Amino acid sequence: MKTSTLLIASLFVLGSFTSSAFAQNAIDNEDHFALASHYENLAKEAEAKLQENKAALEEYEEHSFYYGRQGQDVQSHTTANIREYEKQLSENLNNANLHKKLAMEQQNNVINKAKLNVGDDSSAVR
């Protein structure tokens, strides 16, 4: 019973944390260094929750007879939480890497025209 209450509480936090954390920090959209560290912190939190859920699933698999009739519900719920935290971890790491890249570009303040293909009209006749 204690495990299922913990899992329900973690699912509630999962849904409300991601939307409110960004608003509470009031990070400027142009501050890519701060955004990168914000997403890295979210990734660390998701990794911690992921490890907790993996440990809970391993505990269930080793001692499934402790859980009685609700055991399969606990197993499927924990498995769903693991998938969700893996998805969040991946998204947060991708966002952190993107903002690191944007921060470096912003810091250098150099636009590589070759990458942007500005002024490159290959169809023009010379």
Protein backbone atom coordinates (compact mmCIF):
# COMPACT_ATOMS: atom_id res chain seq x y z
CA MET A 1 0.00 0.00 0.00
CA LYS A 2 2.87 2.33 0.83
CA THR A 3 4.45 1.72 -2.58
CA SER A 4 1.27 2.45 -4.51
CA THR A 5 0.75 5.71 -2.60
CA LEU A 6 4.32 6.72 -3.42
CA LEU A 7 3.81 5.90 -7.08
CA ILE A 8 0.59 7.90 -7.29
CA ALA A 9 2.26 10.85 -5.57
CA SER A 10 5.22 10.68 -7.96
CA LEU A 11 2.88 10.63 -10.96
CA PHE A 12 1.12 13.73 -9.62
CA VAL A 13 4.44 15.51 -9.15
CA LEU A 14 5.51 14.44 -12.62
CA GLY A 15 2.56 16.20 -14.22
CA SER A 16 2.66 19.40 -12.18
CA PHE A 17 6.42 19.89 -11.81
CA THR A 18 7.36 20.34 -15.44
CA SER A 19 4.85 23.11 -16.09
CA SER A 20 5.40 25.10 -12.90
CA ALA A 21 9.19 24.88 -12.54
CA PHE A 22 9.89 26.94 -15.63
CA ALA A 23 7.45 29.66 -14.55
CA GLN A 24 8.92 29.86 -11.05
CA ASN A 25 12.47 30.35 -12.28
CA ALA A 26 11.46 33.14 -14.70
CA ILE A 27 14.30 32.42 -17.11
CA ASP A 28 14.67 34.77 -20.04
CA ASN A 29 14.23 32.98 -23.37
CA GLU A 30 17.45 34.54 -24.68
CA ASP A 31 19.59 33.29 -21.77
CA HIS A 32 20.62 29.96 -23.26
CA PHE A 33 23.19 29.20 -20.55
CA ALA A 34 20.45 29.39 -17.90
CA LEU A 35 18.07 27.37 -20.05
CA ALA A 36 20.72 24.68 -20.57
CA SER A 37 21.37 24.40 -16.84
CA HIS A 38 17.59 24.35 -16.20
CA TYR A 39 17.14 21.40 -18.55
CA GLU A 40 20.18 19.65 -17.06
CA ASN A 41 18.62 19.98 -13.60
CA LEU A 42 15.34 18.57 -14.91
CA ALA A 43 17.28 15.69 -16.47
CA LYS A 44 19.00 14.97 -13.15
CA GLU A 45 15.64 14.90 -11.38
CA ALA A 46 14.16 12.62 -14.04
CA GLU A 47 17.20 10.32 -13.72
CA ALA A 48 16.71 10.11 -9.95
CA LYS A 49 13.01 9.29 -10.33
CA LEU A 50 13.85 6.78 -13.05
CA GLN A 51 16.28 4.97 -10.76
CA GLU A 52 13.69 4.95 -7.93
CA ASN A 53 11.09 3.40 -10.22
CA LYS A 54 13.54 0.84 -11.58
CA ALA A 55 14.38 -0.16 -8.02
CA ALA A 56 10.67 -0.43 -7.18
CA LEU A 57 10.07 -2.61 -10.25
CA GLU A 58 13.01 -4.84 -9.35
CA GLU A 59 11.64 -5.17 -5.81
CA TYR A 60 8.26 -6.15 -7.23
CA GLU A 61 9.76 -8.72 -9.57
CA GLU A 62 11.77 -10.29 -6.76
CA HIS A 63 8.88 -10.32 -4.27
CA SER A 64 5.69 -10.21 -6.31
CA PHE A 65 3.92 -12.42 -3.80
CA TYR A 66 3.97 -9.55 -1.26
CA TYR A 67 1.68 -7.42 -3.40
CA GLY A 68 -1.35 -9.67 -3.61
CA ARG A 69 -4.09 -8.94 -6.11
CA GLN A 70 -2.91 -5.40 -6.81
CA GLY A 71 0.57 -6.57 -7.79
CA GLN A 72 0.00 -6.42 -11.52
CA ASP A 73 -1.38 -2.89 -11.18
CA VAL A 74 1.76 -1.84 -9.30
CA GLN A 75 3.93 -3.50 -11.95
CA SER A 76 2.18 -1.87 -14.91
CA HIS A 77 2.07 1.52 -13.19
CA THR A 78 5.77 1.38 -12.35
CA THR A 79 6.61 0.29 -15.87
CA ALA A 80 4.60 3.22 -17.26
CA ASN A 81 6.45 5.59 -14.92
CA ILE A 82 9.78 4.21 -16.13
CA ARG A 83 8.81 4.83 -19.76
CA GLU A 84 7.68 8.38 -18.94
CA TYR A 85 10.84 9.24 -17.00
CA GLU A 86 13.01 7.81 -19.80
CA LYS A 87 11.13 9.99 -22.26
CA GLN A 88 11.54 13.07 -20.04
CA LEU A 89 15.22 12.34 -19.52
CA SER A 90 15.81 12.09 -23.24
CA GLU A 91 13.85 15.27 -24.01
CA ASN A 92 15.57 17.26 -21.27
CA LEU A 93 19.03 16.15 -22.37
CA ASN A 94 18.21 17.04 -25.98
CA ASN A 95 16.94 20.47 -24.91
CA ALA A 96 20.02 21.04 -22.73
CA ASN A 97 22.32 20.16 -25.63
CA LEU A 98 20.38 22.43 -27.97
CA HIS A 99 20.59 25.38 -25.59
CA LYS A 100 24.30 24.76 -24.98
CA LYS A 101 24.83 24.92 -28.71
CA LEU A 102 22.72 28.09 -28.99
CA ALA A 103 24.59 29.64 -26.06
CA MET A 104 27.92 29.00 -27.71
CA GLU A 105 26.67 30.48 -30.96
CA GLN A 106 25.26 33.45 -29.09
CA GLN A 107 28.53 33.92 -27.21
CA ASN A 108 30.57 33.82 -30.40
CA ASN A 109 27.98 35.95 -32.17
CA VAL A 110 29.20 34.63 -35.50
CA ILE A 111 26.88 33.59 -38.26
CA ASN A 112 28.30 31.07 -40.64
CA LYS A 113 26.80 32.05 -43.96
CA ALA A 114 27.88 28.80 -45.56
CA LYS A 115 25.69 26.83 -43.16
CA LEU A 116 22.74 29.13 -43.67
CA ASN A 117 23.17 29.20 -47.48
CA VAL A 118 22.65 32.96 -47.47
CA GLY A 119 23.35 34.45 -50.85
CA ASP A 120 23.97 31.05 -52.39
CA ASP A 121 21.80 30.79 -55.46
CA SER A 122 22.99 27.71 -57.32
CA SER A 123 20.29 28.04 -59.94
CA ALA A 124 21.42 31.49 -61.10
CA VAL A 125 23.15 31.75 -64.47
CA ARG A 126 26.48 33.57 -64.44
